[in-house]
Amino acid sequence: MFNGWLDGLLVGLKTINSILTAGIAITAFSLFLYALSFNLRDRVARSFAIILLCVVVVFTTEALQNKSIPDWGIELLLRLQWVGIIFLPAAYLHLSDALLVTAGRPSRGRRRIAVRLIYMVSLGFLLLLAAGLWLMTRPDRPVTSKFTSA
């Protein structure tokens, strides 16, 4: 009676996870298009659109990963997913700065410099990702460098 119920439960949870991931990607994409319809000269709308673009990239690549994709395709999707993950903290700082300026708390340059600095740090991590260094390794390939002995 209870034979294999745990396997059935896990399959059901994986299916629900895939459905929710795809739903989040679709909802974020529709909100992104809706945000683009606003005045993009407004800092809040622009920074909100950047956050939504990062979320769309992360969840779309997550929804596309399945068993039918070859290893090189999975690796490409993982790298694209990291692009969204890398730029998300900078986009949140950008949104918080835009909201504070809109609420009447101008930055006097400090927060704007911090936002640009964090975007540069994110760009540095993106360059590390493009070079294949430090951010993403496959479990079947151990990291080898001059500092490790493997």
Protein backbone atom coordinates (compact mmCIF):
# COMPACT_ATOMS: atom_id res chain seq x y z
CA MET A 1 0.00 0.00 0.00
CA PHE A 2 2.78 2.43 0.88
CA ASN A 3 5.32 0.89 -1.49
CA GLY A 4 7.09 3.68 -3.41
CA TRP A 5 5.07 6.50 -1.91
CA LEU A 6 8.20 8.50 -1.19
CA ASP A 7 9.29 8.31 -4.83
CA GLY A 8 5.84 9.46 -5.92
CA LEU A 9 5.98 12.33 -3.44
CA LEU A 10 9.40 13.43 -4.72
CA VAL A 11 8.24 13.30 -8.34
CA GLY A 12 5.20 15.36 -7.39
CA LEU A 13 7.34 17.93 -5.57
CA LYS A 14 9.71 18.20 -8.53
CA THR A 15 6.75 18.75 -10.86
CA ILE A 16 5.28 21.43 -8.61
CA ASN A 17 8.72 23.07 -8.37
CA SER A 18 9.03 23.14 -12.17
CA ILE A 19 5.55 24.61 -12.55
CA LEU A 20 6.21 27.32 -9.95
CA THR A 21 9.59 28.17 -11.48
CA ALA A 22 8.04 28.59 -14.90
CA GLY A 23 5.20 30.63 -13.37
CA ILE A 24 7.65 32.98 -11.66
CA ALA A 25 9.58 33.41 -14.92
CA ILE A 26 6.39 34.20 -16.87
CA THR A 27 5.09 36.61 -14.21
CA ALA A 28 8.43 38.42 -13.95
CA PHE A 29 8.62 38.74 -17.73
CA SER A 30 5.12 40.20 -17.93
CA LEU A 31 5.91 42.64 -15.11
CA PHE A 32 9.14 43.55 -16.92
CA LEU A 33 7.18 44.39 -20.08
CA TYR A 34 4.67 46.33 -17.98
CA ALA A 35 7.49 48.28 -16.33
CA LEU A 36 8.95 49.09 -19.75
CA SER A 37 5.67 50.70 -20.73
CA PHE A 38 6.19 53.36 -18.07
CA ASN A 39 8.39 56.39 -18.45
CA LEU A 40 11.90 54.92 -18.46
CA ARG A 41 13.35 58.33 -17.65
CA ASP A 42 12.09 57.73 -14.11
CA ARG A 43 14.85 56.20 -11.96
CA VAL A 44 12.48 54.00 -9.98
CA ALA A 45 10.91 52.45 -13.10
CA ARG A 46 14.33 51.93 -14.67
CA SER A 47 15.84 50.25 -11.62
CA PHE A 48 12.72 48.12 -11.10
CA ALA A 49 12.98 46.97 -14.72
CA ILE A 50 16.62 45.96 -14.11
CA ILE A 51 15.58 43.86 -11.08
CA LEU A 52 12.84 42.20 -13.09
CA LEU A 53 15.25 41.46 -15.93
CA CYS A 54 17.60 39.74 -13.48
CA VAL A 55 14.74 37.69 -12.06
CA VAL A 56 13.58 36.74 -15.57
CA VAL A 57 17.07 35.56 -16.50
CA VAL A 58 17.47 33.51 -13.30
CA PHE A 59 14.10 31.77 -13.37
CA THR A 60 13.92 31.27 -17.15
CA THR A 61 17.26 29.51 -17.20
CA GLU A 62 16.21 27.47 -14.16
CA ALA A 63 12.98 26.42 -15.89
CA LEU A 64 14.84 25.41 -19.06
CA GLN A 65 17.20 23.02 -17.28
CA ASN A 66 15.98 19.44 -17.59
CA LYS A 67 17.23 15.97 -18.42
CA SER A 68 16.89 16.39 -22.21
CA ILE A 69 19.53 19.15 -22.45
CA PRO A 70 23.14 18.03 -23.04
CA ASP A 71 25.89 18.85 -20.55
CA TRP A 72 27.20 21.81 -22.55
CA GLY A 73 23.67 23.28 -22.67
CA ILE A 74 23.25 22.90 -18.92
CA GLU A 75 26.60 24.60 -18.39
CA LEU A 76 25.56 27.48 -20.66
CA LEU A 77 22.25 27.85 -18.82
CA LEU A 78 24.04 27.84 -15.47
CA ARG A 79 26.37 30.60 -16.65
CA LEU A 80 23.41 32.65 -17.88
CA GLN A 81 21.70 32.09 -14.55
CA TRP A 82 24.79 33.40 -12.78
CA VAL A 83 24.58 36.60 -14.85
CA GLY A 84 21.20 37.34 -13.31
CA ILE A 85 22.39 36.37 -9.84
CA ILE A 86 25.51 38.53 -10.11
CA PHE A 87 23.68 41.72 -11.07
CA LEU A 88 20.73 41.33 -8.67
CA PRO A 89 22.39 42.92 -5.56
CA ALA A 90 23.53 45.92 -7.58
CA ALA A 91 20.04 46.30 -9.03
CA TYR A 92 18.51 46.23 -5.53
CA LEU A 93 20.92 48.92 -4.34
CA HIS A 94 20.03 50.94 -7.45
CA LEU A 95 16.31 50.60 -6.63
CA SER A 96 16.82 51.61 -3.00
CA ASP A 97 18.76 54.69 -4.07
CA ALA A 98 16.05 55.64 -6.57
CA LEU A 99 13.32 55.19 -3.95
CA LEU A 100 15.20 57.30 -1.41
CA VAL A 101 15.71 60.08 -3.95
CA THR A 102 12.01 59.93 -4.87
CA ALA A 103 11.06 60.08 -1.16
CA GLY A 104 13.09 63.26 -0.72
CA ARG A 105 16.40 61.92 0.57
CA PRO A 106 18.93 62.95 -2.08
CA SER A 107 22.23 61.11 -1.97
CA ARG A 108 24.60 64.05 -2.45
CA GLY A 109 26.66 61.73 -4.60
CA ARG A 110 27.64 59.09 -2.06
CA ARG A 111 24.91 56.56 -2.80
CA ARG A 112 25.21 57.14 -6.52
CA ILE A 113 28.94 56.39 -6.30
CA ALA A 114 28.15 53.29 -4.22
CA VAL A 115 25.65 52.09 -6.85
CA ARG A 116 28.21 52.56 -9.61
CA LEU A 117 30.89 50.84 -7.52
CA ILE A 118 28.64 47.83 -6.88
CA TYR A 119 27.82 47.62 -10.59
CA MET A 120 31.57 47.59 -11.27
CA VAL A 121 32.07 44.82 -8.71
CA SER A 122 29.28 42.86 -10.41
CA LEU A 123 30.97 43.44 -13.75
CA GLY A 124 34.20 42.09 -12.26
CA PHE A 125 32.38 38.95 -11.15
CA LEU A 126 30.87 38.69 -14.62
CA LEU A 127 34.36 38.79 -16.12
CA LEU A 128 35.42 36.03 -13.71
CA LEU A 129 32.42 34.02 -14.85
CA ALA A 130 33.25 34.58 -18.51
CA ALA A 131 36.83 33.49 -17.91
CA GLY A 132 35.59 30.34 -16.19
CA LEU A 133 37.35 31.17 -12.95
CA TRP A 134 36.19 30.80 -9.39
CA LEU A 135 32.41 31.05 -9.69
CA MET A 136 31.21 27.86 -11.27
CA THR A 137 32.70 24.41 -11.26
CA ARG A 138 31.14 21.11 -12.11
CA PRO A 139 31.13 18.47 -9.36
CA ASP A 140 32.65 15.85 -11.67
CA ARG A 141 35.60 18.14 -12.49
CA PRO A 142 37.60 19.13 -9.39
CA VAL A 143 39.09 22.59 -9.30
CA THR A 144 42.79 22.46 -10.09
CA SER A 145 45.08 25.37 -9.68
CA LYS A 146 48.57 26.04 -8.44
CA PHE A 147 47.15 26.39 -4.92
CA THR A 148 45.43 22.99 -4.78
CA SER A 149 46.94 19.57 -5.11
CA ALA A 150 44.47 17.46 -7.07
